[in-house]
N, C-alpha and C. Protein backbone atom coordinates (compact mmCIF):
# COMPACT_ATOMS: atom_id res chain seq x y z
N MET A 1 -6.95 10.05 38.06
CA MET A 1 -8.23 10.33 38.72
C MET A 1 -9.46 9.89 37.94
N MET A 2 -10.37 9.42 38.50
CA MET A 2 -11.60 8.93 37.78
C MET A 2 -12.77 9.87 37.86
N THR A 3 -13.53 9.97 36.95
CA THR A 3 -14.81 10.83 36.86
C THR A 3 -15.83 10.07 37.66
N PRO A 4 -16.94 10.76 37.98
CA PRO A 4 -18.09 10.07 38.57
C PRO A 4 -18.63 8.88 37.82
N GLN A 5 -18.61 9.13 36.41
CA GLN A 5 -19.16 7.97 35.55
C GLN A 5 -18.33 6.72 35.74
N PHE A 6 -17.04 6.89 35.81
CA PHE A 6 -16.13 5.65 35.94
C PHE A 6 -16.24 5.16 37.39
N ASN A 7 -16.40 6.04 38.33
CA ASN A 7 -16.63 5.59 39.78
C ASN A 7 -17.89 4.69 39.80
N HIS A 8 -18.82 5.19 39.12
CA HIS A 8 -20.20 4.37 39.15
C HIS A 8 -20.04 3.09 38.53
N ALA A 9 -19.27 3.01 37.39
CA ALA A 9 -19.01 1.65 36.77
C ALA A 9 -18.28 0.75 37.74
N LEU A 10 -17.24 1.34 38.35
CA LEU A 10 -16.42 0.47 39.26
C LEU A 10 -17.11 0.04 40.50
N PHE A 11 -17.87 0.87 41.09
CA PHE A 11 -18.61 0.39 42.29
C PHE A 11 -19.80 -0.50 41.90
N ASN A 12 -20.54 -0.25 40.82
CA ASN A 12 -21.46 -1.11 40.34
C ASN A 12 -21.03 -2.55 40.07
N GLN A 13 -19.86 -2.59 39.37
CA GLN A 13 -19.33 -3.84 38.97
C GLN A 13 -18.85 -4.59 40.26
N ALA A 14 -18.33 -3.93 41.13
CA ALA A 14 -17.88 -4.55 42.43
C ALA A 14 -19.19 -5.14 43.22
N LEU A 15 -20.24 -4.46 43.23
CA LEU A 15 -21.48 -4.91 43.97
C LEU A 15 -22.07 -6.11 43.18
N ILE A 16 -22.00 -6.10 41.86
CA ILE A 16 -22.50 -7.25 41.12
C ILE A 16 -21.65 -8.38 41.42
N LEU A 17 -20.31 -8.34 41.48
CA LEU A 17 -19.54 -9.53 41.84
C LEU A 17 -19.72 -9.91 43.23
N ILE A 18 -20.02 -9.07 44.17
CA ILE A 18 -20.23 -9.43 45.53
C ILE A 18 -21.51 -10.23 45.62
N ARG A 19 -22.52 -9.74 44.90
CA ARG A 19 -23.83 -10.57 44.83
C ARG A 19 -23.66 -11.91 44.30
N GLU A 20 -22.76 -11.99 43.37
CA GLU A 20 -22.59 -13.25 42.59
C GLU A 20 -21.61 -14.16 43.39
N GLY A 21 -21.02 -13.63 44.43
CA GLY A 21 -20.10 -14.42 45.30
C GLY A 21 -18.63 -14.53 44.61
N ASP A 22 -18.38 -13.74 43.57
CA ASP A 22 -17.06 -13.82 42.97
C ASP A 22 -16.18 -12.87 43.66
N MET A 23 -15.72 -13.15 44.77
CA MET A 23 -14.86 -12.24 45.61
C MET A 23 -13.44 -12.10 44.84
N ARG A 24 -13.08 -13.14 44.26
CA ARG A 24 -11.75 -13.04 43.60
C ARG A 24 -11.72 -11.91 42.51
N ARG A 25 -12.73 -11.90 41.70
CA ARG A 25 -12.77 -10.84 40.69
C ARG A 25 -13.06 -9.49 41.27
N ALA A 26 -13.82 -9.54 42.39
CA ALA A 26 -14.10 -8.24 43.16
C ALA A 26 -12.79 -7.67 43.64
N ARG A 27 -12.04 -8.51 44.20
CA ARG A 27 -10.70 -7.95 44.77
C ARG A 27 -9.85 -7.57 43.72
N ALA A 28 -9.97 -8.20 42.42
CA ALA A 28 -9.09 -7.80 41.27
C ALA A 28 -9.39 -6.42 40.86
N LEU A 29 -10.58 -5.85 41.17
CA LEU A 29 -10.83 -4.49 40.92
C LEU A 29 -10.05 -3.48 41.76
N GLY A 30 -9.43 -3.91 42.80
CA GLY A 30 -8.60 -3.15 43.64
C GLY A 30 -8.97 -2.98 45.03
N PHE A 31 -10.10 -3.69 45.34
CA PHE A 31 -10.62 -3.61 46.79
C PHE A 31 -10.04 -4.75 47.69
N ASN A 32 -10.00 -4.48 48.84
CA ASN A 32 -9.62 -5.57 49.77
C ASN A 32 -10.88 -6.11 50.49
N ASP A 33 -10.85 -7.12 51.27
CA ASP A 33 -11.99 -7.72 51.84
C ASP A 33 -12.77 -6.83 52.74
N GLN A 34 -12.16 -6.03 53.57
CA GLN A 34 -12.76 -5.05 54.39
C GLN A 34 -13.64 -4.06 53.69
N GLU A 35 -13.00 -3.50 52.57
CA GLU A 35 -13.59 -2.50 51.72
C GLU A 35 -14.79 -3.11 50.99
N LEU A 36 -14.65 -4.27 50.67
CA LEU A 36 -15.87 -4.94 49.94
C LEU A 36 -16.96 -5.06 50.91
N GLN A 37 -16.69 -5.54 52.17
CA GLN A 37 -17.78 -5.65 53.12
C GLN A 37 -18.50 -4.38 53.50
N ARG A 38 -17.66 -3.31 53.60
CA ARG A 38 -18.31 -2.06 53.81
C ARG A 38 -19.02 -1.39 52.66
N LEU A 39 -18.58 -1.69 51.38
CA LEU A 39 -19.26 -1.34 50.29
C LEU A 39 -20.54 -2.08 50.15
N SER A 40 -20.63 -3.25 50.52
CA SER A 40 -21.84 -4.14 50.37
C SER A 40 -23.03 -3.70 51.32
N ARG A 41 -22.59 -2.94 52.29
CA ARG A 41 -23.62 -2.51 53.41
C ARG A 41 -24.11 -1.13 53.15
N LEU A 42 -23.42 -0.40 52.12
CA LEU A 42 -24.01 0.99 51.87
C LEU A 42 -25.32 0.93 51.19
N GLN A 43 -26.17 1.94 51.49
CA GLN A 43 -27.48 2.11 50.91
C GLN A 43 -27.22 2.76 49.45
N ALA A 44 -28.27 2.82 48.57
CA ALA A 44 -27.96 3.31 47.34
C ALA A 44 -27.67 4.90 47.39
N SER A 45 -28.25 5.50 48.27
CA SER A 45 -28.01 7.02 48.38
C SER A 45 -26.60 7.29 48.87
N GLN A 46 -26.06 6.37 49.63
CA GLN A 46 -24.69 6.54 50.15
C GLN A 46 -23.73 6.17 49.03
N ILE A 47 -23.99 5.24 48.22
CA ILE A 47 -23.15 5.08 47.11
C ILE A 47 -23.09 6.22 46.11
N GLU A 48 -24.26 6.80 46.00
CA GLU A 48 -24.29 7.92 44.97
C GLU A 48 -23.61 9.08 45.47
N ALA A 49 -23.60 9.29 46.86
CA ALA A 49 -22.76 10.25 47.50
C ALA A 49 -21.24 9.90 47.35
N LEU A 50 -20.92 8.74 47.48
CA LEU A 50 -19.52 8.24 47.32
C LEU A 50 -19.03 8.59 45.88
N ILE A 51 -19.96 8.34 45.00
CA ILE A 51 -19.54 8.44 43.54
C ILE A 51 -19.37 9.85 43.17
N HIS A 52 -20.31 10.77 43.57
CA HIS A 52 -20.25 12.12 43.13
C HIS A 52 -19.52 13.13 44.00
N GLU A 53 -19.56 12.84 45.29
CA GLU A 53 -18.86 13.83 46.17
C GLU A 53 -17.43 13.58 46.32
N PHE A 54 -16.96 12.32 46.02
CA PHE A 54 -15.56 11.92 46.28
C PHE A 54 -15.07 11.38 44.98
N PRO A 55 -15.00 12.12 43.91
CA PRO A 55 -14.63 11.49 42.62
C PRO A 55 -13.13 11.03 42.57
N ALA A 56 -12.32 11.48 43.53
CA ALA A 56 -10.90 11.12 43.53
C ALA A 56 -10.68 9.84 44.36
N VAL A 57 -11.76 9.21 44.80
CA VAL A 57 -11.58 8.01 45.71
C VAL A 57 -10.98 6.81 44.98
N ALA A 58 -11.05 6.81 43.58
CA ALA A 58 -10.45 5.73 42.82
C ALA A 58 -9.67 6.23 41.72
N ARG A 59 -8.82 5.57 41.02
CA ARG A 59 -8.04 6.05 39.92
C ARG A 59 -7.73 4.89 38.97
N PHE A 60 -7.40 5.25 37.73
CA PHE A 60 -7.03 4.29 36.75
C PHE A 60 -5.67 3.88 36.99
N GLU A 61 -5.31 2.53 36.78
CA GLU A 61 -4.07 2.17 36.68
C GLU A 61 -3.77 1.11 35.56
N LEU A 62 -2.73 1.21 34.86
CA LEU A 62 -2.38 0.30 33.71
C LEU A 62 -1.67 -0.97 34.32
N ASP A 63 -2.10 -2.12 33.98
CA ASP A 63 -1.33 -3.28 34.34
C ASP A 63 -0.34 -3.51 33.14
N HIS A 64 0.93 -2.98 33.46
CA HIS A 64 1.88 -2.88 32.30
C HIS A 64 2.35 -4.33 31.96
N GLN A 65 2.42 -5.26 32.77
CA GLN A 65 2.75 -6.63 32.43
C GLN A 65 1.74 -7.17 31.43
N THR A 66 0.52 -7.10 31.78
CA THR A 66 -0.70 -7.60 31.03
C THR A 66 -0.83 -6.91 29.77
N PHE A 67 -0.55 -5.56 29.73
CA PHE A 67 -0.72 -4.85 28.57
C PHE A 67 0.52 -5.19 27.56
N ASP A 68 1.65 -5.45 27.98
CA ASP A 68 2.76 -5.83 27.22
C ASP A 68 2.54 -7.12 26.59
N ALA A 69 1.97 -8.13 27.40
CA ALA A 69 1.74 -9.44 26.94
C ALA A 69 0.69 -9.34 25.80
N ALA A 70 -0.36 -8.49 26.00
CA ALA A 70 -1.48 -8.39 25.03
C ALA A 70 -0.83 -7.82 23.59
N LEU A 71 -0.08 -6.85 23.83
CA LEU A 71 0.62 -6.30 22.65
C LEU A 71 1.40 -7.34 21.87
N ARG A 72 2.21 -8.04 22.67
CA ARG A 72 3.10 -9.15 21.98
C ARG A 72 2.23 -10.19 21.23
N ARG A 73 1.02 -10.50 21.91
CA ARG A 73 0.15 -11.40 21.29
C ARG A 73 -0.37 -10.83 19.89
N ILE A 74 -0.68 -9.60 19.92
CA ILE A 74 -1.26 -8.88 18.73
C ILE A 74 -0.21 -8.98 17.63
N ASP A 75 1.06 -8.64 18.02
CA ASP A 75 2.15 -8.71 16.99
C ASP A 75 2.35 -10.11 16.47
N ARG A 76 2.25 -11.18 17.32
CA ARG A 76 2.44 -12.45 16.84
C ARG A 76 1.35 -12.73 15.88
N ASP A 77 0.13 -12.44 16.19
CA ASP A 77 -1.01 -12.72 15.31
C ASP A 77 -0.85 -12.02 13.97
N GLN A 78 -0.43 -10.80 14.06
CA GLN A 78 -0.22 -10.11 12.75
C GLN A 78 0.93 -10.69 11.93
N ASP A 79 2.04 -11.10 12.60
CA ASP A 79 3.13 -11.77 11.85
C ASP A 79 2.69 -13.03 11.29
N ARG A 80 1.79 -13.77 11.90
CA ARG A 80 1.26 -15.07 11.51
C ARG A 80 0.36 -14.77 10.25
N ASP A 81 -0.44 -13.74 10.21
CA ASP A 81 -1.33 -13.52 9.17
C ASP A 81 -0.50 -12.99 7.88
N VAL A 82 0.51 -12.26 8.16
CA VAL A 82 1.30 -11.83 7.03
C VAL A 82 2.05 -13.01 6.40
N GLN A 83 2.47 -13.92 7.24
CA GLN A 83 3.20 -15.10 6.73
C GLN A 83 2.26 -16.06 6.09
N VAL A 84 1.03 -16.21 6.47
CA VAL A 84 -0.03 -17.00 5.86
C VAL A 84 -0.32 -16.49 4.43
N ASP A 85 -0.49 -15.16 4.28
CA ASP A 85 -0.77 -14.60 3.10
C ASP A 85 0.40 -14.81 2.01
N GLN A 86 1.69 -14.62 2.62
CA GLN A 86 2.83 -14.85 1.86
C GLN A 86 2.94 -16.31 1.29
N CYS A 87 2.61 -17.23 2.22
CA CYS A 87 2.70 -18.66 1.82
C CYS A 87 1.64 -19.03 0.72
N ILE A 88 0.42 -18.38 0.87
CA ILE A 88 -0.67 -18.71 -0.10
C ILE A 88 -0.21 -18.07 -1.49
N THR A 89 0.32 -16.86 -1.50
CA THR A 89 0.73 -16.25 -2.64
C THR A 89 1.85 -17.01 -3.38
N LEU A 90 2.76 -17.57 -2.63
CA LEU A 90 3.86 -18.38 -3.16
C LEU A 90 3.45 -19.79 -3.46
N GLY A 91 2.18 -20.08 -3.37
CA GLY A 91 1.78 -21.46 -3.75
C GLY A 91 1.89 -22.56 -2.78
N ALA A 92 1.62 -22.22 -1.48
CA ALA A 92 1.61 -23.31 -0.43
C ALA A 92 0.36 -24.21 -0.67
N SER A 93 0.45 -25.45 -0.32
CA SER A 93 -0.62 -26.42 -0.45
C SER A 93 -1.46 -26.34 0.82
N VAL A 94 -2.66 -27.00 0.68
CA VAL A 94 -3.61 -27.08 1.87
C VAL A 94 -2.91 -27.91 2.97
N GLN A 95 -2.17 -28.91 2.55
CA GLN A 95 -1.46 -29.72 3.52
C GLN A 95 -0.37 -28.82 4.38
N MET A 96 0.34 -28.02 3.52
CA MET A 96 1.37 -27.11 4.26
C MET A 96 0.66 -26.16 5.09
N LEU A 97 -0.35 -25.46 4.78
CA LEU A 97 -1.16 -24.50 5.53
C LEU A 97 -1.68 -25.12 6.85
N SER A 98 -2.10 -26.44 6.68
CA SER A 98 -2.57 -27.15 7.77
C SER A 98 -1.39 -27.44 8.85
N THR A 99 -0.33 -27.97 8.27
CA THR A 99 0.80 -28.38 9.15
C THR A 99 1.37 -27.26 9.87
N PHE A 100 1.63 -26.02 9.07
CA PHE A 100 2.29 -25.05 9.70
C PHE A 100 1.40 -23.98 10.56
N PHE A 101 0.17 -23.94 10.11
CA PHE A 101 -0.69 -22.99 10.72
C PHE A 101 -1.98 -23.45 11.25
N GLY A 102 -2.25 -24.72 11.13
CA GLY A 102 -3.58 -25.39 11.57
C GLY A 102 -4.75 -24.91 10.90
N MET A 103 -4.64 -24.55 9.64
CA MET A 103 -5.79 -24.07 8.91
C MET A 103 -6.47 -25.22 8.15
N THR A 104 -7.74 -25.06 8.13
CA THR A 104 -8.58 -26.05 7.41
C THR A 104 -8.76 -25.74 6.06
N PRO A 105 -9.20 -26.67 5.15
CA PRO A 105 -9.44 -26.44 3.76
C PRO A 105 -10.32 -25.17 3.43
N ASN A 106 -11.35 -25.09 4.29
CA ASN A 106 -12.21 -23.89 4.17
C ASN A 106 -11.47 -22.61 4.47
N ASP A 107 -10.69 -22.64 5.52
CA ASP A 107 -9.94 -21.46 5.86
C ASP A 107 -8.99 -21.02 4.61
N CYS A 108 -8.34 -22.11 4.03
CA CYS A 108 -7.41 -21.81 2.88
C CYS A 108 -8.27 -21.20 1.77
N SER A 109 -9.37 -21.75 1.41
CA SER A 109 -10.18 -21.36 0.33
C SER A 109 -10.61 -19.90 0.52
N SER A 110 -11.06 -19.61 1.65
CA SER A 110 -11.55 -18.26 1.88
C SER A 110 -10.39 -17.23 1.87
N ARG A 111 -9.19 -17.64 2.35
CA ARG A 111 -8.12 -16.75 2.37
C ARG A 111 -7.55 -16.55 0.94
N ARG A 112 -7.67 -17.48 0.15
CA ARG A 112 -7.27 -17.37 -1.31
C ARG A 112 -8.23 -16.33 -2.08
N VAL A 113 -9.51 -16.53 -1.77
CA VAL A 113 -10.52 -15.65 -2.44
C VAL A 113 -10.09 -14.19 -1.92
N LEU A 114 -9.89 -13.97 -0.72
CA LEU A 114 -9.54 -12.61 -0.23
C LEU A 114 -8.30 -12.06 -0.91
N LEU A 115 -7.30 -12.89 -1.22
CA LEU A 115 -6.04 -12.50 -1.78
C LEU A 115 -6.04 -12.46 -3.30
N GLY A 116 -7.18 -13.04 -3.83
CA GLY A 116 -7.27 -13.01 -5.31
C GLY A 116 -6.36 -14.06 -5.90
N VAL A 117 -5.98 -15.14 -5.09
CA VAL A 117 -5.14 -16.21 -5.63
C VAL A 117 -6.01 -17.25 -6.31
N PRO A 118 -5.91 -17.49 -7.55
CA PRO A 118 -6.77 -18.52 -8.18
C PRO A 118 -6.59 -19.91 -7.77
N SER A 119 -7.65 -20.72 -7.81
CA SER A 119 -7.40 -22.15 -7.60
C SER A 119 -7.08 -22.83 -8.83
N ARG A 120 -6.23 -23.87 -8.71
CA ARG A 120 -5.89 -24.69 -9.91
C ARG A 120 -6.07 -26.15 -9.56
N GLN A 121 -6.64 -26.87 -10.51
CA GLN A 121 -6.81 -28.36 -10.38
C GLN A 121 -5.65 -29.13 -10.91
N GLY A 122 -5.42 -30.28 -10.50
CA GLY A 122 -4.51 -31.15 -10.93
C GLY A 122 -3.15 -31.15 -10.10
N ARG A 123 -2.22 -32.02 -10.62
CA ARG A 123 -1.01 -32.30 -9.92
C ARG A 123 0.10 -31.29 -10.46
N LEU A 124 0.73 -30.68 -9.57
CA LEU A 124 1.81 -29.77 -9.92
C LEU A 124 3.02 -30.54 -10.44
N PRO A 125 3.60 -30.22 -11.59
CA PRO A 125 4.80 -30.82 -12.05
C PRO A 125 5.98 -30.64 -11.16
N MET A 126 6.75 -31.56 -10.98
CA MET A 126 8.06 -31.34 -10.32
C MET A 126 9.06 -30.76 -11.34
N PRO A 127 10.03 -29.98 -10.80
CA PRO A 127 10.98 -29.35 -11.75
C PRO A 127 11.91 -30.33 -12.52
N GLU A 128 12.41 -29.78 -13.54
CA GLU A 128 13.51 -30.57 -14.29
C GLU A 128 14.69 -30.77 -13.39
N GLU A 129 15.53 -31.70 -13.80
CA GLU A 129 16.68 -32.08 -12.87
C GLU A 129 17.58 -30.94 -12.73
N ALA A 130 17.83 -30.08 -13.75
CA ALA A 130 18.73 -28.98 -13.62
C ALA A 130 18.20 -27.93 -12.66
N VAL A 131 16.84 -27.71 -12.72
CA VAL A 131 16.26 -26.68 -11.88
C VAL A 131 16.32 -27.23 -10.43
N GLU A 132 16.10 -28.46 -10.26
CA GLU A 132 16.09 -28.97 -8.89
C GLU A 132 17.56 -29.03 -8.36
N HIS A 133 18.45 -29.33 -9.20
CA HIS A 133 19.87 -29.17 -8.78
C HIS A 133 20.26 -27.77 -8.34
N ASP A 134 19.82 -26.80 -9.05
CA ASP A 134 20.15 -25.41 -8.66
C ASP A 134 19.43 -25.18 -7.31
N ALA A 135 18.19 -25.54 -7.19
CA ALA A 135 17.42 -25.33 -5.93
C ALA A 135 18.15 -25.95 -4.72
N TRP A 136 18.57 -27.17 -4.97
CA TRP A 136 19.30 -27.90 -3.90
C TRP A 136 20.61 -27.16 -3.56
N ASN A 137 21.33 -26.68 -4.44
CA ASN A 137 22.57 -25.94 -4.13
C ASN A 137 22.23 -24.70 -3.34
N ARG A 138 21.17 -24.03 -3.74
CA ARG A 138 20.79 -22.76 -3.03
C ARG A 138 20.33 -23.12 -1.55
N TRP A 139 19.62 -24.22 -1.50
CA TRP A 139 19.17 -24.70 -0.18
C TRP A 139 20.31 -24.91 0.80
N GLN A 140 21.37 -25.38 0.30
CA GLN A 140 22.60 -25.63 1.17
C GLN A 140 23.02 -24.35 1.89
N THR A 141 22.84 -23.18 1.24
CA THR A 141 23.27 -21.97 1.73
C THR A 141 22.23 -21.30 2.62
N ILE A 142 21.00 -21.66 2.43
CA ILE A 142 19.91 -20.96 3.07
C ILE A 142 19.64 -21.66 4.42
N SER A 143 19.60 -22.99 4.45
CA SER A 143 19.18 -23.72 5.57
C SER A 143 20.42 -23.87 6.60
N ARG A 144 20.20 -23.86 7.86
CA ARG A 144 21.16 -23.92 8.81
C ARG A 144 21.66 -25.50 8.80
N ASP A 145 20.85 -26.37 8.63
CA ASP A 145 21.11 -27.86 8.54
C ASP A 145 20.35 -28.51 7.40
N PRO A 146 20.82 -28.31 6.30
CA PRO A 146 19.98 -28.71 5.03
C PRO A 146 19.69 -30.13 4.98
N SER A 147 20.51 -30.97 5.57
CA SER A 147 20.45 -32.45 5.53
C SER A 147 19.58 -32.98 6.73
N SER A 148 19.25 -32.23 7.65
CA SER A 148 18.52 -32.76 8.85
C SER A 148 16.98 -32.93 8.53
N VAL A 149 16.33 -33.87 9.27
CA VAL A 149 14.94 -34.09 9.07
C VAL A 149 14.08 -32.81 9.40
N ASP A 150 14.87 -32.05 10.38
CA ASP A 150 14.17 -30.71 10.80
C ASP A 150 14.09 -29.74 9.76
N ALA A 151 14.77 -29.96 8.57
CA ALA A 151 14.87 -28.90 7.48
C ALA A 151 13.44 -28.68 6.95
N VAL A 152 12.55 -29.77 7.03
CA VAL A 152 11.24 -29.59 6.39
C VAL A 152 10.36 -28.62 7.31
N GLU A 153 10.84 -28.30 8.36
CA GLU A 153 10.11 -27.29 9.26
C GLU A 153 10.61 -25.90 9.07
N ASP A 154 11.61 -25.74 8.29
CA ASP A 154 12.25 -24.35 8.07
C ASP A 154 11.44 -23.57 7.05
N LEU A 155 10.16 -23.11 7.52
CA LEU A 155 9.32 -22.44 6.69
C LEU A 155 9.89 -21.20 6.10
N ARG A 156 10.57 -20.40 6.94
CA ARG A 156 11.20 -19.14 6.44
C ARG A 156 12.20 -19.35 5.39
N GLY A 157 13.01 -20.42 5.53
CA GLY A 157 13.92 -20.73 4.54
C GLY A 157 13.24 -21.17 3.23
N MET A 158 12.29 -22.03 3.39
CA MET A 158 11.53 -22.37 2.19
C MET A 158 10.89 -21.19 1.45
N ILE A 159 10.49 -20.22 2.21
CA ILE A 159 9.77 -19.07 1.51
C ILE A 159 10.98 -18.35 0.75
N VAL A 160 12.00 -18.22 1.34
CA VAL A 160 13.29 -17.55 0.66
C VAL A 160 13.62 -18.32 -0.68
N LEU A 161 13.61 -19.58 -0.62
CA LEU A 161 13.86 -20.37 -1.77
C LEU A 161 12.69 -20.34 -2.88
N ALA A 162 11.50 -20.31 -2.49
CA ALA A 162 10.46 -20.19 -3.30
C ALA A 162 10.49 -18.79 -4.06
N GLU A 163 10.78 -17.75 -3.38
CA GLU A 163 10.94 -16.54 -3.96
C GLU A 163 12.05 -16.41 -5.02
N GLU A 164 13.22 -17.06 -4.72
CA GLU A 164 14.30 -16.94 -5.48
C GLU A 164 14.20 -17.83 -6.79
N THR A 165 13.53 -18.89 -6.70
CA THR A 165 13.54 -19.93 -7.75
C THR A 165 12.21 -19.86 -8.53
N ASP A 166 11.13 -19.17 -7.98
CA ASP A 166 9.90 -19.05 -8.70
C ASP A 166 9.13 -20.40 -8.67
N LEU A 167 9.64 -21.43 -7.87
CA LEU A 167 8.88 -22.64 -7.72
C LEU A 167 7.86 -22.58 -6.74
N PRO A 168 6.70 -23.20 -6.87
CA PRO A 168 5.67 -23.01 -5.85
C PRO A 168 6.17 -23.65 -4.54
N LEU A 169 5.61 -22.91 -3.55
CA LEU A 169 6.07 -23.36 -2.12
C LEU A 169 5.78 -24.86 -1.90
N ALA A 170 4.70 -25.34 -2.42
CA ALA A 170 4.46 -26.75 -2.14
C ALA A 170 5.48 -27.67 -2.79
N VAL A 171 5.94 -27.25 -3.97
CA VAL A 171 6.98 -28.07 -4.70
C VAL A 171 8.39 -27.91 -3.84
N ILE A 172 8.64 -26.80 -3.40
CA ILE A 172 9.76 -26.69 -2.54
C ILE A 172 9.75 -27.54 -1.29
N TRP A 173 8.55 -27.67 -0.67
CA TRP A 173 8.39 -28.50 0.50
C TRP A 173 8.67 -29.95 0.15
N SER A 174 8.00 -30.36 -0.97
CA SER A 174 8.12 -31.74 -1.46
C SER A 174 9.56 -32.09 -1.80
N LEU A 175 10.35 -31.04 -2.42
CA LEU A 175 11.67 -31.36 -2.76
C LEU A 175 12.49 -31.56 -1.45
N ILE A 176 12.35 -30.68 -0.48
CA ILE A 176 13.11 -30.84 0.76
C ILE A 176 12.75 -32.15 1.52
N LYS A 177 11.54 -32.62 1.40
CA LYS A 177 11.21 -33.94 1.97
C LYS A 177 12.01 -34.94 1.18
N GLN A 178 12.13 -34.89 -0.11
CA GLN A 178 12.83 -35.85 -0.81
C GLN A 178 14.45 -35.89 -0.47
N TRP A 179 14.93 -34.70 -0.32
CA TRP A 179 16.32 -34.57 0.10
C TRP A 179 16.56 -34.96 1.46
N THR A 180 15.71 -34.80 2.37
CA THR A 180 15.97 -35.25 3.70
C THR A 180 15.40 -36.52 4.27
N THR A 181 14.17 -36.85 3.76
CA THR A 181 13.51 -38.05 4.19
C THR A 181 12.90 -38.62 2.95
N PRO A 182 13.53 -39.20 2.06
CA PRO A 182 13.05 -39.76 0.85
C PRO A 182 11.88 -40.87 1.05
N GLU A 183 12.04 -41.60 2.06
CA GLU A 183 10.94 -42.72 2.32
C GLU A 183 9.69 -42.10 2.55
N GLN A 184 9.67 -41.08 3.51
CA GLN A 184 8.54 -40.39 3.90
C GLN A 184 7.93 -39.55 2.74
N ALA A 185 8.78 -39.01 1.87
CA ALA A 185 8.40 -38.26 0.71
C ALA A 185 7.59 -39.05 -0.26
N ARG A 186 7.99 -40.32 -0.50
CA ARG A 186 7.31 -41.20 -1.31
C ARG A 186 6.03 -41.51 -0.87
N GLN A 187 5.89 -41.76 0.53
CA GLN A 187 4.53 -42.03 1.08
C GLN A 187 3.63 -40.83 0.92
N ASP A 188 4.22 -39.58 1.19
CA ASP A 188 3.41 -38.43 1.08
C ASP A 188 2.78 -38.10 -0.36
N SER A 189 3.48 -38.55 -1.22
CA SER A 189 3.18 -38.33 -2.77
C SER A 189 2.19 -39.21 -3.31
N VAL A 190 1.61 -40.13 -2.48
CA VAL A 190 0.76 -41.16 -3.14
C VAL A 190 -0.66 -40.68 -3.35
N PRO A 191 -1.40 -40.20 -2.36
CA PRO A 191 -2.83 -39.76 -2.47
C PRO A 191 -2.95 -38.77 -3.60
N ALA A 192 -3.82 -39.08 -4.73
CA ALA A 192 -4.02 -38.14 -5.79
C ALA A 192 -4.90 -37.04 -5.25
N GLU A 193 -5.92 -37.24 -4.30
CA GLU A 193 -6.74 -36.18 -3.90
C GLU A 193 -5.95 -35.18 -3.13
N GLU A 194 -4.86 -35.67 -2.41
CA GLU A 194 -4.08 -34.75 -1.67
C GLU A 194 -3.36 -33.77 -2.56
N HIS A 195 -2.90 -34.21 -3.69
CA HIS A 195 -2.17 -33.30 -4.71
C HIS A 195 -3.31 -32.39 -5.31
N GLU A 196 -4.45 -32.80 -5.34
CA GLU A 196 -5.53 -31.95 -5.89
C GLU A 196 -5.72 -30.82 -5.00
N GLY A 197 -5.75 -31.20 -3.73
CA GLY A 197 -5.78 -30.08 -2.70
C GLY A 197 -4.57 -29.22 -2.71
N VAL A 198 -3.43 -30.01 -2.99
CA VAL A 198 -2.21 -29.37 -2.96
C VAL A 198 -2.05 -28.40 -4.19
N MET A 199 -2.97 -28.65 -5.13
CA MET A 199 -2.82 -27.76 -6.34
C MET A 199 -3.59 -26.44 -6.28
N ARG A 200 -4.63 -26.44 -5.53
CA ARG A 200 -5.37 -25.20 -5.59
C ARG A 200 -4.78 -24.00 -4.98
N ALA A 201 -3.75 -23.52 -5.55
CA ALA A 201 -3.19 -22.16 -5.16
C ALA A 201 -1.81 -22.19 -5.58
N GLY A 202 -1.42 -23.03 -6.30
CA GLY A 202 -0.03 -23.16 -6.58
C GLY A 202 0.42 -24.41 -6.07
N VAL A 203 -0.46 -25.18 -5.73
CA VAL A 203 -0.40 -26.43 -5.02
C VAL A 203 -1.28 -26.23 -3.88
N ALA A 204 -2.41 -26.69 -3.81
CA ALA A 204 -3.45 -26.31 -2.98
C ALA A 204 -3.21 -25.05 -2.21
């Protein structure tokens, strides 16, 4: 059941939409065309009587489908934020954050400041051969298809590998490119300024 205040808001919004000619949104409030026509002909005193003398004329209803979709969207956004923070903490590069989350350099910089992750200049060194070999062996058990070109998109797997090896996430990403698409990896490693951005957080 709705109180007079809510009734007033409902009828007032319906009348505004009628005046604007937005009948679709007016119907979305729960009215049919005949009800909207009758409402539009009422005088102000009659509308006041409708609001205060018949408070049960309208009721609240939850759109369960829309509400569920909204909650799922909120959950996805929260999961994304948690994963972004995790990636930055583990040393993801600006290029990685842009590729996986569509973040700009300014977005990355602001997020790092909020997380207290220091920026670092320069090129991150690649691991020694023995360390890389151990990482490669572990990657075979983490990734569903470690040799596939799609492996470079397995962000969750790379996060696990970075946590276990203590290698920066940007380095992990670079290694997996070398293991799966060596030609592309060589092209990606050329621009110095890219590595500079790649550096500011454990690699950008």
